[in-house]
């Protein structure tokens, strides 16, 4: 686990659930270099600091390029176990009591990583994390938009034998050009199998993407969703139906979705009565874990202790 991340942990964070965190996005630079070495792969950077210095993003795609490159070090059951274990250890320091974690199986399958190695490593880490830290957990397999609907269906077929290990399915990667409705069939399959349905929408793309996720994919929760504020009717729907948004403040600033933390729309969503939550997204890339996100919104967004309690309560609801 990253020493820098350890020192950032805040004892003042409220007990909460984390609902939007990508396991591959928790790989700290130290772990990337260590896994490259033990798997006999070329080092992606000359040093930890060199790799960390590359984390300067202009938009979502500039992040995704290095994100997929770094995760290529994940090859073995031990790699997936170590990745998930490190996150759970760090989450326990941040007062996380329940975590629902995304992972991107397609990005690993395409590199020849056996599904058994991936799922056994992750499942063992979650079970050990429950025993060691008392954190309940769930895995959400995400479909990579940019690979298309047919590839998503193939990935679900490959992981379907492990569906008892999955809480749900999600949809991530670049939004633009890949609207939710393209993935209607695979979401319908997963829903028929009893899996929960969520999707990234309204980060890059506008309110229409959120509406499509709700109406075409039948999602129960929208990941990001901050562009809902562009559509008052959609805000009223989210409020009335209490559809949760898993908002990631530090991520939004790092990817230039919003210019500064002081301008972040989280307070507006909260005041509108939307069931908004705070999460870390890809914490090793965006400046911090869930406690760092809570600290940032307290410092820059003028949120009160009552607001923070409401955000934490929303995460459990």
Protein backbone atom coordinates (compact mmCIF):
# COMPACT_ATOMS: atom_id res chain seq x y z
CA UNK A 1 0.00 0.00 0.00
CA UNK A 2 1.22 3.47 -0.88
CA UNK A 3 2.88 5.24 2.04
CA UNK A 4 1.69 8.60 0.78
CA UNK A 5 -1.88 7.35 0.66
CA UNK A 6 -1.52 6.03 4.20
CA UNK A 7 -0.53 9.41 5.62
CA UNK A 8 -3.51 11.02 3.91
CA UNK A 9 -6.02 8.92 5.83
CA UNK A 10 -8.40 11.02 7.92
CA UNK A 11 -9.81 9.84 11.20
CA UNK A 12 -12.53 12.49 10.80
CA UNK A 13 -14.23 10.86 7.83
CA UNK A 14 -17.80 9.73 8.51
CA UNK A 15 -18.70 6.05 8.45
CA UNK A 16 -19.85 5.54 4.87
CA UNK A 17 -20.31 3.23 1.92
CA UNK A 18 -18.20 3.69 -1.20
CA UNK A 19 -20.23 3.00 -4.33
CA UNK A 20 -18.03 4.29 -7.14
CA UNK A 21 -14.44 3.09 -7.10
CA UNK A 22 -12.58 1.30 -9.88
CA UNK A 23 -10.22 -1.32 -8.49
CA UNK A 24 -7.78 -0.80 -11.35
CA UNK A 25 -7.85 2.88 -10.46
CA UNK A 26 -6.56 2.10 -6.96
CA UNK A 27 -3.24 0.76 -8.28
CA UNK A 28 -0.68 3.11 -6.78
CA UNK A 29 2.50 3.73 -8.82
CA UNK A 30 4.50 1.58 -6.41
CA UNK A 31 2.22 -1.39 -7.10
CA UNK A 32 2.36 -0.84 -10.87
CA UNK A 33 6.16 -1.02 -10.87
CA UNK A 34 6.27 -3.94 -8.43
CA UNK A 35 3.85 -6.02 -10.50
CA UNK A 36 5.70 -5.22 -13.70
CA UNK A 37 8.92 -6.50 -12.13
CA UNK A 38 7.48 -9.71 -10.70
CA UNK A 39 5.72 -10.50 -13.98
CA UNK A 40 8.81 -9.86 -16.09
CA UNK A 41 7.26 -6.92 -17.93
CA UNK A 42 8.93 -3.70 -19.08
CA UNK A 43 8.65 -0.98 -16.46
CA UNK A 44 6.10 1.64 -17.56
CA UNK A 45 8.25 4.38 -16.01
CA UNK A 46 11.76 4.91 -14.68
CA UNK A 47 10.56 5.54 -11.12
CA UNK A 48 7.50 5.97 -8.94
CA UNK A 49 7.82 9.73 -9.17
CA UNK A 50 8.21 9.62 -12.94
CA UNK A 51 4.98 7.66 -13.22
CA UNK A 52 3.14 9.90 -10.78
CA UNK A 53 4.31 12.99 -12.67
CA UNK A 54 2.42 11.74 -15.73
CA UNK A 55 -0.90 12.07 -13.93
CA UNK A 56 -1.79 15.42 -15.44
CA UNK A 57 -5.01 15.05 -17.41
CA UNK A 58 -6.86 17.32 -19.79
CA UNK A 59 -9.99 15.17 -20.19
CA UNK A 60 -11.33 11.66 -19.69
CA UNK A 61 -9.49 10.16 -22.66
CA UNK A 62 -6.11 11.48 -21.56
CA UNK A 63 -6.65 9.62 -18.30
CA UNK A 64 -7.92 6.43 -19.92
CA UNK A 65 -4.79 6.13 -22.07
CA UNK A 66 -2.48 5.81 -19.07
CA UNK A 67 -5.08 3.93 -17.00
CA UNK A 68 -5.26 1.05 -19.48
CA UNK A 69 -1.49 1.05 -19.93
CA UNK A 70 -0.85 0.78 -16.19
CA UNK A 71 -3.38 -1.98 -15.60
CA UNK A 72 -1.59 -4.17 -18.15
CA UNK A 73 0.71 -5.26 -15.27
CA UNK A 74 -2.19 -7.27 -13.81
CA UNK A 75 -1.54 -10.84 -14.94
CA UNK A 76 -1.95 -13.34 -12.10
CA UNK A 77 -4.33 -14.30 -9.33
CA UNK A 78 -1.88 -12.76 -6.86
CA UNK A 79 -1.96 -9.44 -8.72
CA UNK A 80 -5.72 -9.16 -8.48
CA UNK A 81 -5.67 -10.28 -4.86
CA UNK A 82 -3.03 -7.70 -3.93
CA UNK A 83 -4.83 -4.89 -5.77
CA UNK A 84 -8.16 -5.50 -4.03
CA UNK A 85 -6.54 -6.11 -0.64
CA UNK A 86 -4.64 -2.82 -0.79
CA UNK A 87 -7.83 -0.92 -1.57
CA UNK A 88 -9.78 -2.59 1.24
CA UNK A 89 -7.00 -1.80 3.73
CA UNK A 90 -7.01 1.85 2.66
CA UNK A 91 -10.81 2.01 2.67
CA UNK A 92 -10.92 0.71 6.24
CA UNK A 93 -8.70 3.63 7.28
CA UNK A 94 -11.20 6.01 5.70
CA UNK A 95 -14.14 4.64 7.73
CA UNK A 96 -15.65 2.80 4.77
CA UNK A 97 -17.98 0.09 6.11
CA UNK A 98 -19.25 -1.19 2.75
CA UNK A 99 -17.68 -0.96 -0.70
CA UNK A 100 -19.08 -1.79 -4.14
CA UNK A 101 -16.13 -1.98 -6.49
CA UNK A 102 -15.96 -1.79 -10.27
CA UNK A 103 -13.52 -3.82 -12.32
CA UNK A 104 -12.91 -4.05 -16.08
CA UNK A 105 -12.66 -7.71 -17.09
CA UNK A 106 -12.55 -6.97 -20.84
CA UNK A 107 -9.30 -5.06 -20.43
CA UNK A 108 -7.73 -8.18 -18.92
CA UNK A 109 -9.35 -10.86 -21.08
CA UNK A 110 -8.04 -9.17 -24.23
CA UNK A 111 -4.49 -9.59 -22.82
CA UNK A 112 -5.02 -13.32 -22.24
CA UNK A 113 -5.56 -13.13 -18.48
CA UNK A 114 -7.61 -16.17 -17.42
CA UNK A 115 -11.01 -15.33 -16.00
CA UNK A 116 -10.37 -17.86 -13.23
CA UNK A 117 -7.24 -16.01 -12.09
CA UNK A 118 -9.05 -12.68 -12.08
CA UNK A 119 -12.14 -13.82 -10.23
CA UNK A 120 -10.39 -16.09 -7.74
CA UNK A 121 -7.93 -13.35 -6.79
CA UNK A 122 -10.63 -10.72 -6.33
CA UNK A 123 -13.04 -13.03 -4.50
CA UNK A 124 -10.36 -14.19 -2.06
CA UNK A 125 -9.37 -10.58 -1.30
CA UNK A 126 -12.96 -9.59 -0.61
CA UNK A 127 -13.48 -12.51 1.74
CA UNK A 128 -10.22 -11.81 3.60
CA UNK A 129 -11.14 -8.12 3.78
CA UNK A 130 -14.46 -8.96 5.40
CA UNK A 131 -12.76 -11.10 8.03
CA UNK A 132 -9.86 -8.73 8.68
CA UNK A 133 -11.52 -5.33 8.45
CA UNK A 134 -15.23 -6.02 8.79
CA UNK A 135 -16.00 -4.37 5.45
CA UNK A 136 -18.81 -5.84 3.39
CA UNK A 137 -18.18 -5.72 -0.33
CA UNK A 138 -19.55 -6.37 -3.78
CA UNK A 139 -18.05 -6.62 -7.27
CA UNK A 140 -19.54 -4.84 -10.28
CA UNK A 141 -18.17 -5.91 -13.65
CA UNK A 142 -18.11 -2.98 -16.06
CA UNK A 143 -18.50 -3.13 -19.82
CA UNK A 144 -16.07 -0.95 -21.77
CA UNK A 145 -18.14 1.28 -24.01
CA UNK A 146 -15.45 1.78 -26.63
CA UNK A 147 -15.29 -1.97 -27.36
CA UNK A 148 -18.96 -2.06 -28.34
CA UNK A 149 -22.06 -4.05 -27.45
CA UNK A 150 -21.02 -7.38 -28.97
CA UNK A 151 -17.79 -7.43 -26.97
CA UNK A 152 -19.76 -6.57 -23.83
CA UNK A 153 -22.06 -9.53 -24.44
CA UNK A 154 -19.07 -11.83 -24.96
CA UNK A 155 -17.51 -10.62 -21.71
CA UNK A 156 -20.71 -11.25 -19.79
CA UNK A 157 -20.90 -14.76 -21.24
CA UNK A 158 -17.30 -15.39 -20.10
CA UNK A 159 -18.02 -14.22 -16.55
CA UNK A 160 -21.53 -15.58 -16.25
CA UNK A 161 -20.32 -18.77 -14.52
CA UNK A 162 -19.05 -16.45 -11.78
CA UNK A 163 -22.26 -14.47 -11.45
CA UNK A 164 -22.68 -15.61 -7.84
CA UNK A 165 -19.50 -13.61 -7.15
CA UNK A 166 -20.96 -10.48 -8.76
CA UNK A 167 -23.25 -7.87 -7.30
CA UNK A 168 -24.01 -6.21 -10.60
CA UNK A 169 -22.91 -4.88 -13.96
CA UNK A 170 -21.95 -1.37 -14.99
CA UNK A 171 -20.87 0.66 -17.99
CA UNK A 172 -17.72 2.79 -18.13
CA UNK A 173 -14.99 4.14 -20.44
CA UNK A 174 -15.55 7.07 -22.78
CA UNK A 175 -19.16 8.24 -23.01
CA UNK A 176 -19.02 10.22 -26.22
CA UNK A 177 -20.09 8.17 -29.23
CA UNK A 178 -21.25 5.19 -27.15
CA UNK A 179 -24.71 5.97 -25.73
CA UNK A 180 -26.24 3.63 -23.15
CA UNK A 181 -28.93 2.31 -25.48
CA UNK A 182 -26.28 0.38 -27.44
CA UNK A 183 -25.94 -1.94 -24.44
CA UNK A 184 -29.62 -2.60 -23.83
CA UNK A 185 -29.45 -6.35 -24.57
CA UNK A 186 -26.53 -7.24 -22.31
CA UNK A 187 -28.02 -5.23 -19.46
CA UNK A 188 -31.29 -7.07 -19.96
CA UNK A 189 -29.43 -10.39 -19.76
CA UNK A 190 -27.70 -9.41 -16.55
CA UNK A 191 -30.90 -8.11 -15.02
CA UNK A 192 -32.69 -11.36 -15.85
CA UNK A 193 -29.89 -13.16 -13.99
CA UNK A 194 -30.65 -11.11 -10.88
CA UNK A 195 -27.69 -8.75 -11.06
CA UNK A 196 -28.03 -5.08 -10.10
CA UNK A 197 -27.69 -2.49 -12.87
CA UNK A 198 -25.70 0.76 -12.81
CA UNK A 199 -24.01 2.88 -15.47
CA UNK A 200 -21.66 5.83 -15.88
CA UNK A 201 -23.58 8.68 -17.49
CA UNK A 202 -23.61 12.45 -17.41
CA UNK A 203 -19.89 12.96 -16.83
CA UNK A 204 -18.71 13.72 -20.39
CA UNK A 205 -22.10 13.51 -22.06
CA UNK A 206 -25.24 15.47 -21.24
CA UNK A 207 -28.59 14.78 -19.58
CA UNK A 208 -29.77 12.65 -22.50
CA UNK A 209 -27.19 10.01 -21.54
CA UNK A 210 -28.61 9.87 -18.03
CA UNK A 211 -32.14 9.50 -19.38
CA UNK A 212 -30.99 6.69 -21.66
CA UNK A 213 -29.29 4.87 -18.79
CA UNK A 214 -32.50 5.08 -16.77
CA UNK A 215 -34.94 4.23 -19.55
CA UNK A 216 -32.97 1.91 -21.86
CA UNK A 217 -30.74 0.11 -19.36
CA UNK A 218 -33.13 0.32 -16.38
CA UNK A 219 -30.30 1.27 -14.05
CA UNK A 220 -30.96 1.69 -10.34
CA UNK A 221 -28.07 4.09 -9.81
CA UNK A 222 -26.24 6.58 -12.03
CA UNK A 223 -22.48 6.90 -11.71
CA UNK A 224 -21.37 10.55 -11.93
CA UNK A 225 -24.58 12.09 -13.30
CA UNK A 226 -23.59 15.68 -12.56
CA UNK A 227 -24.76 16.91 -15.98
CA UNK A 228 -28.32 16.28 -14.76
CA UNK A 229 -28.20 19.87 -13.54
CA UNK A 230 -28.46 20.95 -17.19
CA UNK A 231 -32.03 19.62 -17.26
CA UNK A 232 -34.46 20.78 -14.53
CA UNK A 233 -37.01 18.13 -15.50
CA UNK A 234 -34.39 15.41 -15.06
CA UNK A 235 -33.38 16.81 -11.68
CA UNK A 236 -37.01 16.66 -10.57
CA UNK A 237 -37.22 13.04 -11.75
CA UNK A 238 -34.05 12.05 -9.91
CA UNK A 239 -35.33 13.78 -6.78
CA UNK A 240 -38.82 12.28 -6.95
CA UNK A 241 -37.56 8.77 -7.68
CA UNK A 242 -34.59 9.14 -5.32
CA UNK A 243 -32.27 7.64 -7.92
CA UNK A 244 -28.77 7.82 -6.43
CA UNK A 245 -25.88 9.63 -8.11
CA UNK A 246 -22.38 8.43 -7.21
CA UNK A 247 -20.45 11.68 -7.52
CA UNK A 248 -16.63 11.81 -7.49
CA UNK A 249 -15.49 15.38 -6.76
CA UNK A 250 -11.69 15.07 -7.01
CA UNK A 251 -12.09 13.09 -10.22
CA UNK A 252 -14.30 15.78 -11.75
CA UNK A 253 -11.69 18.45 -11.08
CA UNK A 254 -8.77 16.28 -12.25
CA UNK A 255 -10.52 15.54 -15.55
CA UNK A 256 -11.64 19.14 -16.07
CA UNK A 257 -15.33 18.26 -15.83
CA UNK A 258 -15.47 21.20 -13.44
CA UNK A 259 -12.74 23.80 -13.24
CA UNK A 260 -12.28 24.01 -9.48
CA UNK A 261 -13.60 22.29 -6.39
CA UNK A 262 -15.26 25.53 -5.32
CA UNK A 263 -17.34 25.35 -8.52
CA UNK A 264 -18.31 21.71 -8.08
CA UNK A 265 -22.07 21.08 -8.47
CA UNK A 266 -22.32 18.76 -5.45
CA UNK A 267 -23.94 21.42 -3.20
CA UNK A 268 -26.51 22.21 -5.90
CA UNK A 269 -27.42 18.54 -6.27
CA UNK A 270 -27.72 18.18 -2.51
CA UNK A 271 -29.92 21.27 -2.21
CA UNK A 272 -32.12 19.98 -5.04
CA UNK A 273 -32.93 16.91 -2.94
CA UNK A 274 -31.10 14.41 -5.15
CA UNK A 275 -29.76 11.28 -3.41
CA UNK A 276 -26.15 12.20 -4.06
CA UNK A 277 -23.13 10.38 -2.59
CA UNK A 278 -19.38 11.07 -2.41
CA UNK A 279 -16.88 8.57 -3.84
CA UNK A 280 -13.28 8.37 -5.06
CA UNK A 281 -13.52 6.92 -8.62
CA UNK A 282 -9.83 6.24 -9.42
CA UNK A 283 -8.11 7.48 -6.27
CA UNK A 284 -4.49 6.75 -7.16
CA UNK A 285 -4.84 9.03 -10.19
CA UNK A 286 -7.11 11.82 -8.96
CA UNK A 287 -5.59 12.98 -5.71
CA UNK A 288 -7.16 10.91 -3.02
CA UNK A 289 -9.44 8.31 -1.52
CA UNK A 290 -12.96 8.80 -0.20
CA UNK A 291 -11.82 10.59 2.95
CA UNK A 292 -9.80 12.99 0.81
CA UNK A 293 -12.93 13.67 -1.24
CA UNK A 294 -14.95 14.43 1.88
CA UNK A 295 -12.19 16.73 3.12
CA UNK A 296 -12.11 18.56 -0.22
CA UNK A 297 -15.84 19.25 -0.35
CA UNK A 298 -15.85 20.44 3.26
CA UNK A 299 -12.96 22.80 2.58
CA UNK A 300 -14.05 24.17 -0.79
CA UNK A 301 -17.81 23.67 -1.17
CA UNK A 302 -19.02 25.11 2.11
CA UNK A 303 -20.75 21.95 3.26
CA UNK A 304 -21.92 21.76 6.85
CA UNK A 305 -21.55 18.81 9.25
CA UNK A 306 -25.23 18.12 8.59
CA UNK A 307 -24.55 17.99 4.84
CA UNK A 308 -21.73 15.50 5.37
CA UNK A 309 -23.97 13.36 7.55
CA UNK A 310 -26.61 13.40 4.82
CA UNK A 311 -24.10 12.36 2.17
CA UNK A 312 -22.91 9.48 4.33
CA UNK A 313 -26.49 8.42 5.10
CA UNK A 314 -27.32 8.53 1.39
CA UNK A 315 -24.47 6.11 0.71
CA UNK A 316 -25.97 3.52 3.04
CA UNK A 317 -29.54 4.05 1.82
